[in-house]
PDB file of N, CA and C in Angstrom:
ATOM      1  N   MET A   1      28.019  36.453  14.058  1.00  0.00           N
ATOM      2  CA  MET A   1      26.803  35.775  14.422  1.00  0.00           C
ATOM      3  C   MET A   1      26.281  35.040  13.184  1.00  0.00           C
ATOM      4  N   GLY A   2      25.750  33.881  13.367  1.00  0.00           N
ATOM      5  CA  GLY A   2      25.230  33.107  12.250  1.00  0.00           C
ATOM      6  C   GLY A   2      24.048  32.263  12.679  1.00  0.00           C
ATOM      7  N   ILE A   3      23.343  31.812  11.714  1.00  0.00           N
ATOM      8  CA  ILE A   3      22.201  30.927  11.947  1.00  0.00           C
ATOM      9  C   ILE A   3      22.443  29.666  11.139  1.00  0.00           C
ATOM     10  N   ARG A   4      22.225  28.533  11.748  1.00  0.00           N
ATOM     11  CA  ARG A   4      22.401  27.258  11.058  1.00  0.00           C
ATOM     12  C   ARG A   4      21.038  26.587  10.884  1.00  0.00           C
ATOM     13  N   PHE A   5      20.807  26.093   9.694  1.00  0.00           N
ATOM     14  CA  PHE A   5      19.588  25.362   9.395  1.00  0.00           C
ATOM     15  C   PHE A   5      19.968  23.976   8.915  1.00  0.00           C
ATOM     16  N   PRO A   6      19.282  22.963   9.402  1.00  0.00           N
ATOM     17  CA  PRO A   6      19.571  21.626   8.882  1.00  0.00           C
ATOM     18  C   PRO A   6      19.090  21.538   7.429  1.00  0.00           C
ATOM     19  N   ALA A   7      19.839  20.843   6.628  1.00  0.00           N
ATOM     20  CA  ALA A   7      19.480  20.675   5.213  1.00  0.00           C
ATOM     21  C   ALA A   7      19.159  19.209   4.950  1.00  0.00           C
ATOM     22  N   ILE A   8      18.216  18.998   4.067  1.00  0.00           N
ATOM     23  CA  ILE A   8      17.878  17.633   3.653  1.00  0.00           C
ATOM     24  C   ILE A   8      17.836  17.595   2.138  1.00  0.00           C
ATOM     25  N   LYS A   9      18.003  16.417   1.608  1.00  0.00           N
ATOM     26  CA  LYS A   9      17.889  16.221   0.168  1.00  0.00           C
ATOM     27  C   LYS A   9      16.615  15.415  -0.067  1.00  0.00           C
ATOM     28  N   LEU A  10      15.648  16.026  -0.743  1.00  0.00           N
ATOM     29  CA  LEU A  10      14.354  15.369  -0.925  1.00  0.00           C
ATOM     30  C   LEU A  10      14.472  14.042  -1.663  1.00  0.00           C
ATOM     31  N   LEU A  11      15.428  13.921  -2.554  1.00  0.00           N
ATOM     32  CA  LEU A  11      15.599  12.664  -3.282  1.00  0.00           C
ATOM     33  C   LEU A  11      15.894  11.497  -2.348  1.00  0.00           C
ATOM     34  N   ASP A  12      16.477  11.779  -1.186  1.00  0.00           N
ATOM     35  CA  ASP A  12      16.750  10.711  -0.216  1.00  0.00           C
ATOM     36  C   ASP A  12      15.465  10.086   0.318  1.00  0.00           C
ATOM     37  N   PHE A  13      14.364  10.796   0.201  1.00  0.00           N
ATOM     38  CA  PHE A  13      13.097  10.284   0.701  1.00  0.00           C
ATOM     39  C   PHE A  13      12.435   9.288  -0.248  1.00  0.00           C
ATOM     40  N   ALA A  14      12.953   9.134  -1.443  1.00  0.00           N
ATOM     41  CA  ALA A  14      12.383   8.172  -2.393  1.00  0.00           C
ATOM     42  C   ALA A  14      12.401   6.764  -1.811  1.00  0.00           C
ATOM     43  N   ALA A  15      13.445   6.437  -1.071  1.00  0.00           N
ATOM     44  CA  ALA A  15      13.557   5.113  -0.457  1.00  0.00           C
ATOM     45  C   ALA A  15      12.617   4.964   0.736  1.00  0.00           C
ATOM     46  N   ARG A  16      12.000   6.053   1.153  1.00  0.00           N
ATOM     47  CA  ARG A  16      11.099   6.024   2.316  1.00  0.00           C
ATOM     48  C   ARG A  16       9.655   6.296   1.897  1.00  0.00           C
ATOM     49  N   TRP A  17       9.308   5.901   0.671  1.00  0.00           N
ATOM     50  CA  TRP A  17       7.981   6.177   0.123  1.00  0.00           C
ATOM     51  C   TRP A  17       6.855   5.671   1.027  1.00  0.00           C
ATOM     52  N   ASN A  18       6.971   4.438   1.523  1.00  0.00           N
ATOM     53  CA  ASN A  18       5.916   3.875   2.374  1.00  0.00           C
ATOM     54  C   ASN A  18       5.733   4.692   3.649  1.00  0.00           C
ATOM     55  N   GLU A  19       6.820   5.191   4.194  1.00  0.00           N
ATOM     56  CA  GLU A  19       6.750   6.038   5.383  1.00  0.00           C
ATOM     57  C   GLU A  19       6.042   7.354   5.059  1.00  0.00           C
ATOM     58  N   LEU A  20       6.377   7.938   3.916  1.00  0.00           N
ATOM     59  CA  LEU A  20       5.696   9.168   3.488  1.00  0.00           C
ATOM     60  C   LEU A  20       4.208   8.912   3.278  1.00  0.00           C
ATOM     61  N   ASP A  21       3.885   7.814   2.640  1.00  0.00           N
ATOM     62  CA  ASP A  21       2.495   7.492   2.335  1.00  0.00           C
ATOM     63  C   ASP A  21       1.667   7.270   3.604  1.00  0.00           C
ATOM     64  N   ALA A  22       2.287   6.755   4.636  1.00  0.00           N
ATOM     65  CA  ALA A  22       1.575   6.502   5.891  1.00  0.00           C
ATOM     66  C   ALA A  22       1.391   7.769   6.722  1.00  0.00           C
ATOM     67  N   SER A  23       2.135   8.794   6.402  1.00  0.00           N
ATOM     68  CA  SER A  23       2.127  10.019   7.208  1.00  0.00           C
ATOM     69  C   SER A  23       0.932  10.914   6.887  1.00  0.00           C
ATOM     70  N   ASP A  24       0.444  11.595   7.923  1.00  0.00           N
ATOM     71  CA  ASP A  24      -0.605  12.611   7.759  1.00  0.00           C
ATOM     72  C   ASP A  24      -0.012  14.008   7.666  1.00  0.00           C
ATOM     73  N   ASN A  25       1.294  14.103   7.741  1.00  0.00           N
ATOM     74  CA  ASN A  25       1.983  15.384   7.693  1.00  0.00           C
ATOM     75  C   ASN A  25       1.885  15.970   6.277  1.00  0.00           C
ATOM     76  N   PRO A  26       1.454  17.216   6.141  1.00  0.00           N
ATOM     77  CA  PRO A  26       1.349  17.820   4.811  1.00  0.00           C
ATOM     78  C   PRO A  26       2.693  17.871   4.079  1.00  0.00           C
ATOM     79  N   PHE A  27       3.784  17.958   4.827  1.00  0.00           N
ATOM     80  CA  PHE A  27       5.093  17.968   4.186  1.00  0.00           C
ATOM     81  C   PHE A  27       5.353  16.649   3.463  1.00  0.00           C
ATOM     82  N   ALA A  28       4.821  15.546   3.984  1.00  0.00           N
ATOM     83  CA  ALA A  28       4.976  14.250   3.318  1.00  0.00           C
ATOM     84  C   ALA A  28       4.314  14.297   1.940  1.00  0.00           C
ATOM     85  N   ALA A  29       3.132  14.892   1.855  1.00  0.00           N
ATOM     86  CA  ALA A  29       2.453  15.025   0.556  1.00  0.00           C
ATOM     87  C   ALA A  29       3.265  15.902  -0.387  1.00  0.00           C
ATOM     88  N   ALA A  30       3.867  16.945   0.141  1.00  0.00           N
ATOM     89  CA  ALA A  30       4.693  17.830  -0.689  1.00  0.00           C
ATOM     90  C   ALA A  30       5.927  17.090  -1.216  1.00  0.00           C
ATOM     91  N   VAL A  31       6.562  16.302  -0.369  1.00  0.00           N
ATOM     92  CA  VAL A  31       7.741  15.541  -0.789  1.00  0.00           C
ATOM     93  C   VAL A  31       7.345  14.495  -1.826  1.00  0.00           C
ATOM     94  N   MET A  32       6.232  13.803  -1.600  1.00  0.00           N
ATOM     95  CA  MET A  32       5.758  12.799  -2.561  1.00  0.00           C
ATOM     96  C   MET A  32       5.499  13.452  -3.922  1.00  0.00           C
ATOM     97  N   THR A  33       4.893  14.623  -3.902  1.00  0.00           N
ATOM     98  CA  THR A  33       4.623  15.341  -5.146  1.00  0.00           C
ATOM     99  C   THR A  33       5.927  15.684  -5.853  1.00  0.00           C
ATOM    100  N   HIS A  34       6.874  16.215  -5.121  1.00  0.00           N
ATOM    101  CA  HIS A  34       8.171  16.559  -5.713  1.00  0.00           C
ATOM    102  C   HIS A  34       8.827  15.326  -6.337  1.00  0.00           C
ATOM    103  N   LEU A  35       8.819  14.217  -5.627  1.00  0.00           N
ATOM    104  CA  LEU A  35       9.448  12.997  -6.146  1.00  0.00           C
ATOM    105  C   LEU A  35       8.777  12.534  -7.435  1.00  0.00           C
ATOM    106  N   LYS A  36       7.463  12.597  -7.478  1.00  0.00           N
ATOM    107  CA  LYS A  36       6.747  12.145  -8.674  1.00  0.00           C
ATOM    108  C   LYS A  36       6.895  13.127  -9.834  1.00  0.00           C
ATOM    109  N   VAL A  37       7.046  14.403  -9.542  1.00  0.00           N
ATOM    110  CA  VAL A  37       7.317  15.378 -10.613  1.00  0.00           C
ATOM    111  C   VAL A  37       8.631  15.018 -11.293  1.00  0.00           C
ATOM    112  N   ARG A  38       9.639  14.755 -10.497  1.00  0.00           N
ATOM    113  CA  ARG A  38      10.947  14.394 -11.064  1.00  0.00           C
ATOM    114  C   ARG A  38      10.882  13.067 -11.810  1.00  0.00           C
ATOM    115  N   GLU A  39      10.170  12.096 -11.246  1.00  0.00           N
ATOM    116  CA  GLU A  39      10.090  10.767 -11.841  1.00  0.00           C
ATOM    117  C   GLU A  39       9.327  10.774 -13.165  1.00  0.00           C
ATOM    118  N   THR A  40       8.337  11.638 -13.280  1.00  0.00           N
ATOM    119  CA  THR A  40       7.476  11.653 -14.471  1.00  0.00           C
ATOM    120  C   THR A  40       7.829  12.781 -15.431  1.00  0.00           C
ATOM    121  N   ASN A  41       9.011  13.289 -15.333  1.00  0.00           N
ATOM    122  CA  ASN A  41       9.437  14.429 -16.143  1.00  0.00           C
ATOM    123  C   ASN A  41       9.251  14.196 -17.644  1.00  0.00           C
ATOM    124  N   GLU A  42       9.450  12.992 -18.093  1.00  0.00           N
ATOM    125  CA  GLU A  42       9.373  12.685 -19.523  1.00  0.00           C
ATOM    126  C   GLU A  42       8.087  11.949 -19.914  1.00  0.00           C
ATOM    127  N   ASP A  43       7.180  11.733 -18.974  1.00  0.00           N
ATOM    128  CA  ASP A  43       5.983  10.927 -19.244  1.00  0.00           C
ATOM    129  C   ASP A  43       4.743  11.623 -18.692  1.00  0.00           C
ATOM    130  N   ALA A  44       4.100  12.427 -19.523  1.00  0.00           N
ATOM    131  CA  ALA A  44       2.949  13.224 -19.082  1.00  0.00           C
ATOM    132  C   ALA A  44       1.761  12.350 -18.684  1.00  0.00           C
ATOM    133  N   THR A  45       1.577  11.224 -19.342  1.00  0.00           N
ATOM    134  CA  THR A  45       0.468  10.329 -18.992  1.00  0.00           C
ATOM    135  C   THR A  45       0.659   9.754 -17.595  1.00  0.00           C
ATOM    136  N   GLU A  46       1.877   9.367 -17.287  1.00  0.00           N
ATOM    137  CA  GLU A  46       2.183   8.860 -15.941  1.00  0.00           C
ATOM    138  C   GLU A  46       2.049   9.971 -14.911  1.00  0.00           C
ATOM    139  N   ARG A  47       2.423  11.172 -15.276  1.00  0.00           N
ATOM    140  CA  ARG A  47       2.263  12.315 -14.373  1.00  0.00           C
ATOM    141  C   ARG A  47       0.785  12.556 -14.078  1.00  0.00           C
ATOM    142  N   GLN A  48      -0.051  12.450 -15.100  1.00  0.00           N
ATOM    143  CA  GLN A  48      -1.491  12.614 -14.893  1.00  0.00           C
ATOM    144  C   GLN A  48      -2.005  11.564 -13.904  1.00  0.00           C
ATOM    145  N   ARG A  49      -1.563  10.335 -14.082  1.00  0.00           N
ATOM    146  CA  ARG A  49      -1.978   9.246 -13.183  1.00  0.00           C
ATOM    147  C   ARG A  49      -1.562   9.544 -11.747  1.00  0.00           C
ATOM    148  N   TRP A  50      -0.337  10.000 -11.557  1.00  0.00           N
ATOM    149  CA  TRP A  50       0.152  10.290 -10.217  1.00  0.00           C
ATOM    150  C   TRP A  50      -0.496  11.537  -9.621  1.00  0.00           C
ATOM    151  N   LYS A  51      -0.781  12.512 -10.450  1.00  0.00           N
ATOM    152  CA  LYS A  51      -1.448  13.721  -9.954  1.00  0.00           C
ATOM    153  C   LYS A  51      -2.798  13.336  -9.350  1.00  0.00           C
ATOM    154  N   PHE A  52      -3.547  12.518 -10.053  1.00  0.00           N
ATOM    155  CA  PHE A  52      -4.832  12.068  -9.535  1.00  0.00           C
ATOM    156  C   PHE A  52      -4.644  11.224  -8.277  1.00  0.00           C
ATOM    157  N   ALA A  53      -3.670  10.317  -8.297  1.00  0.00           N
ATOM    158  CA  ALA A  53      -3.438   9.441  -7.144  1.00  0.00           C
ATOM    159  C   ALA A  53      -3.060  10.240  -5.897  1.00  0.00           C
ATOM    160  N   LEU A  54      -2.226  11.250  -6.057  1.00  0.00           N
ATOM    161  CA  LEU A  54      -1.808  12.055  -4.907  1.00  0.00           C
ATOM    162  C   LEU A  54      -2.969  12.871  -4.341  1.00  0.00           C
ATOM    163  N   ILE A  55      -3.813  13.363  -5.215  1.00  0.00           N
ATOM    164  CA  ILE A  55      -4.976  14.131  -4.739  1.00  0.00           C
ATOM    165  C   ILE A  55      -6.009  13.201  -4.125  1.00  0.00           C
ATOM    166  N   ARG A  56      -6.236  12.046  -4.741  1.00  0.00           N
ATOM    167  CA  ARG A  56      -7.169  11.067  -4.177  1.00  0.00           C
ATOM    168  C   ARG A  56      -6.718  10.635  -2.777  1.00  0.00           C
ATOM    169  N   ARG A  57      -5.411  10.520  -2.607  1.00  0.00           N
ATOM    170  CA  ARG A  57      -4.843  10.130  -1.315  1.00  0.00           C
ATOM    171  C   ARG A  57      -5.275  11.094  -0.205  1.00  0.00           C
ATOM    172  N   LEU A  58      -5.376  12.381  -0.521  1.00  0.00           N
ATOM    173  CA  LEU A  58      -5.802  13.365   0.478  1.00  0.00           C
ATOM    174  C   LEU A  58      -7.219  13.069   0.969  1.00  0.00           C
ATOM    175  N   TYR A  59      -8.092  12.702   0.045  1.00  0.00           N
ATOM    176  CA  TYR A  59      -9.463  12.364   0.423  1.00  0.00           C
ATOM    177  C   TYR A  59      -9.505  11.062   1.201  1.00  0.00           C
ATOM    178  N   GLU A  60      -8.724  10.079   0.781  1.00  0.00           N
ATOM    179  CA  GLU A  60      -8.708   8.787   1.458  1.00  0.00           C
ATOM    180  C   GLU A  60      -8.128   8.883   2.864  1.00  0.00           C
ATOM    181  N   LYS A  61      -7.230   9.817   3.066  1.00  0.00           N
ATOM    182  CA  LYS A  61      -6.656  10.052   4.402  1.00  0.00           C
ATOM    183  C   LYS A  61      -7.617  10.853   5.275  1.00  0.00           C
ATOM    184  N   ARG A  62      -8.725  11.275   4.675  1.00  0.00           N
ATOM    185  CA  ARG A  62      -9.748  12.060   5.367  1.00  0.00           C
ATOM    186  C   ARG A  62      -9.187  13.363   5.943  1.00  0.00           C
ATOM    187  N   CYS A  63      -8.372  14.013   5.114  1.00  0.00           N
ATOM    188  CA  CYS A  63      -7.844  15.329   5.486  1.00  0.00           C
ATOM    189  C   CYS A  63      -8.995  16.319   5.563  1.00  0.00           C
ATOM    190  N   ASP A  64      -8.820  17.356   6.367  1.00  0.00           N
ATOM    191  CA  ASP A  64      -9.866  18.369   6.436  1.00  0.00           C
ATOM    192  C   ASP A  64      -9.874  19.192   5.150  1.00  0.00           C
ATOM    193  N   ARG A  65     -10.970  19.880   4.927  1.00  0.00           N
ATOM    194  CA  ARG A  65     -11.190  20.607   3.674  1.00  0.00           C
ATOM    195  C   ARG A  65     -10.082  21.621   3.377  1.00  0.00           C
ATOM    196  N   LYS A  66      -9.638  22.357   4.381  1.00  0.00           N
ATOM    197  CA  LYS A  66      -8.592  23.369   4.197  1.00  0.00           C
ATOM    198  C   LYS A  66      -7.281  22.721   3.750  1.00  0.00           C
ATOM    199  N   LYS A  67      -6.912  21.616   4.381  1.00  0.00           N
ATOM    200  CA  LYS A  67      -5.672  20.929   4.019  1.00  0.00           C
ATOM    201  C   LYS A  67      -5.767  20.397   2.591  1.00  0.00           C
ATOM    202  N   ILE A  68      -6.917  19.820   2.234  1.00  0.00           N
ATOM    203  CA  ILE A  68      -7.098  19.305   0.874  1.00  0.00           C
ATOM    204  C   ILE A  68      -6.970  20.444  -0.133  1.00  0.00           C
ATOM    205  N   THR A  69      -7.634  21.559   0.136  1.00  0.00           N
ATOM    206  CA  THR A  69      -7.589  22.704  -0.781  1.00  0.00           C
ATOM    207  C   THR A  69      -6.168  23.233  -0.947  1.00  0.00           C
ATOM    208  N   ASP A  70      -5.469  23.399   0.161  1.00  0.00           N
ATOM    209  CA  ASP A  70      -4.101  23.925   0.101  1.00  0.00           C
ATOM    210  C   ASP A  70      -3.166  22.978  -0.635  1.00  0.00           C
ATOM    211  N   LEU A  71      -3.230  21.698  -0.284  1.00  0.00           N
ATOM    212  CA  LEU A  71      -2.346  20.730  -0.935  1.00  0.00           C
ATOM    213  C   LEU A  71      -2.744  20.507  -2.385  1.00  0.00           C
ATOM    214  N   PHE A  72      -4.040  20.558  -2.672  1.00  0.00           N
ATOM    215  CA  PHE A  72      -4.494  20.440  -4.054  1.00  0.00           C
ATOM    216  C   PHE A  72      -3.874  21.548  -4.902  1.00  0.00           C
ATOM    217  N   CYS A  73      -3.910  22.771  -4.406  1.00  0.00           N
ATOM    218  CA  CYS A  73      -3.323  23.899  -5.147  1.00  0.00           C
ATOM    219  C   CYS A  73      -1.836  23.680  -5.379  1.00  0.00           C
ATOM    220  N   PHE A  74      -1.139  23.184  -4.377  1.00  0.00           N
ATOM    221  CA  PHE A  74       0.297  22.926  -4.502  1.00  0.00           C
ATOM    222  C   PHE A  74       0.559  21.828  -5.538  1.00  0.00           C
ATOM    223  N   ILE A  75      -0.167  20.726  -5.435  1.00  0.00           N
ATOM    224  CA  ILE A  75       0.014  19.609  -6.372  1.00  0.00           C
ATOM    225  C   ILE A  75      -0.318  20.056  -7.794  1.00  0.00           C
ATOM    226  N   ASP A  76      -1.417  20.770  -7.945  1.00  0.00           N
ATOM    227  CA  ASP A  76      -1.832  21.247  -9.267  1.00  0.00           C
ATOM    228  C   ASP A  76      -0.782  22.190  -9.868  1.00  0.00           C
ATOM    229  N   TRP A  77      -0.215  23.043  -9.047  1.00  0.00           N
ATOM    230  CA  TRP A  77       0.804  23.984  -9.509  1.00  0.00           C
ATOM    231  C   TRP A  77       2.089  23.264  -9.925  1.00  0.00           C
ATOM    232  N   LEU A  78       2.481  22.267  -9.143  1.00  0.00           N
ATOM    233  CA  LEU A  78       3.749  21.586  -9.395  1.00  0.00           C
ATOM    234  C   LEU A  78       3.648  20.561 -10.528  1.00  0.00           C
ATOM    235  N   MET A  79       2.523  19.902 -10.643  1.00  0.00           N
ATOM    236  CA  MET A  79       2.368  18.819 -11.622  1.00  0.00           C
ATOM    237  C   MET A  79       1.634  19.324 -12.862  1.00  0.00           C
ATOM    238  N   GLN A  80       2.295  20.152 -13.614  1.00  0.00           N
ATOM    239  CA  GLN A  80       1.721  20.704 -14.837  1.00  0.00           C
ATOM    240  C   GLN A  80       1.521  19.593 -15.872  1.00  0.00           C
ATOM    241  N   LEU A  81       0.394  19.673 -16.577  1.00  0.00           N
ATOM    242  CA  LEU A  81       0.062  18.696 -17.617  1.00  0.00           C
ATOM    243  C   LEU A  81      -0.226  19.428 -18.924  1.00  0.00           C
ATOM    244  N   PRO A  82      -0.005  18.731 -20.039  1.00  0.00           N
ATOM    245  CA  PRO A  82      -0.459  19.304 -21.313  1.00  0.00           C
ATOM    246  C   PRO A  82      -1.977  19.494 -21.275  1.00  0.00           C
ATOM    247  N   GLU A  83      -2.469  20.409 -22.069  1.00  0.00           N
ATOM    248  CA  GLU A  83      -3.888  20.793 -22.019  1.00  0.00           C
ATOM    249  C   GLU A  83      -4.851  19.609 -22.127  1.00  0.00           C
ATOM    250  N   GLU A  84      -4.588  18.699 -23.075  1.00  0.00           N
ATOM    251  CA  GLU A  84      -5.514  17.571 -23.250  1.00  0.00           C
ATOM    252  C   GLU A  84      -5.510  16.639 -22.045  1.00  0.00           C
ATOM    253  N   LEU A  85      -4.357  16.425 -21.426  1.00  0.00           N
ATOM    254  CA  LEU A  85      -4.298  15.578 -20.235  1.00  0.00           C
ATOM    255  C   LEU A  85      -4.873  16.301 -19.019  1.00  0.00           C
ATOM    256  N   GLU A  86      -4.714  17.604 -18.967  1.00  0.00           N
ATOM    257  CA  GLU A  86      -5.308  18.385 -17.878  1.00  0.00           C
ATOM    258  C   GLU A  86      -6.830  18.256 -17.921  1.00  0.00           C
ATOM    259  N   HIS A  87      -7.380  18.305 -19.115  1.00  0.00           N
ATOM    260  CA  HIS A  87      -8.827  18.140 -19.284  1.00  0.00           C
ATOM    261  C   HIS A  87      -9.269  16.750 -18.810  1.00  0.00           C
ATOM    262  N   LEU A  88      -8.534  15.721 -19.211  1.00  0.00           N
ATOM    263  CA  LEU A  88      -8.852  14.350 -18.775  1.00  0.00           C
ATOM    264  C   LEU A  88      -8.717  14.207 -17.260  1.00  0.00           C
ATOM    265  N   PHE A  89      -7.717  14.841 -16.697  1.00  0.00           N
ATOM    266  CA  PHE A  89      -7.527  14.811 -15.251  1.00  0.00           C
ATOM    267  C   PHE A  89      -8.756  15.371 -14.544  1.00  0.00           C
ATOM    268  N   TRP A  90      -9.242  16.528 -15.001  1.00  0.00           N
ATOM    269  CA  TRP A  90     -10.399  17.151 -14.355  1.00  0.00           C
ATOM    270  C   TRP A  90     -11.656  16.302 -14.521  1.00  0.00           C
ATOM    271  N   GLN A  91     -11.802  15.634 -15.651  1.00  0.00           N
ATOM    272  CA  GLN A  91     -12.940  14.730 -15.839  1.00  0.00           C
ATOM    273  C   GLN A  91     -12.874  13.583 -14.831  1.00  0.00           C
ATOM    274  N   GLU A  92     -11.685  13.005 -14.701  1.00  0.00           N
ATOM    275  CA  GLU A  92     -11.515  11.895 -13.759  1.00  0.00           C
ATOM    276  C   GLU A  92     -11.767  12.344 -12.323  1.00  0.00           C
ATOM    277  N   LEU A  93     -11.297  13.526 -11.983  1.00  0.00           N
ATOM    278  CA  LEU A  93     -11.493  14.051 -10.647  1.00  0.00           C
ATOM    279  C   LEU A  93     -12.979  14.311 -10.363  1.00  0.00           C
ATOM    280  N   GLU A  94     -13.688  14.852 -11.342  1.00  0.00           N
ATOM    281  CA  GLU A  94     -15.133  15.093 -11.156  1.00  0.00           C
ATOM    282  C   GLU A  94     -15.884  13.795 -10.970  1.00  0.00           C
ATOM    283  N   GLN A  95     -15.487  12.749 -11.675  1.00  0.00           N
ATOM    284  CA  GLN A  95     -16.137  11.438 -11.516  1.00  0.00           C
ATOM    285  C   GLN A  95     -15.837  10.847 -10.145  1.00  0.00           C
ATOM    286  N   TYR A  96     -14.636  11.092  -9.650  1.00  0.00           N
ATOM    287  CA  TYR A  96     -14.268  10.577  -8.333  1.00  0.00           C
ATOM    288  C   TYR A  96     -15.123  11.235  -7.255  1.00  0.00           C
TER     289      TYR A  96
END
C-alpha cells in the first residue's frame, strides 16, 4: 500500500510572479516569500525592501487580521535581517 503526493518545485513559480501577486491564496504569499528569500540571499538591503513590500501587500489586498498576523509571522521568520536593517524595517512598518 502506498500514498502518492504531487510534488512541485517552488522555483518554477518565479515565472508566474504576476499570477502569484494577483492571488488571494495564502500559499501564493508563502511562495512569493520563498522566492524573494532565495533571490535576496546575498543582499540584505534588498531583502529588507522585499520584506516590507510583501507585508504591505497583505494590507493592500485587504486580508483579514488573522491572515495578516499569520502570514506576517511566516514572512518575518523566513526573511531574517541583520539587526540594524531589522530596526529600520520596523520603523518603516510603523510609519506605514
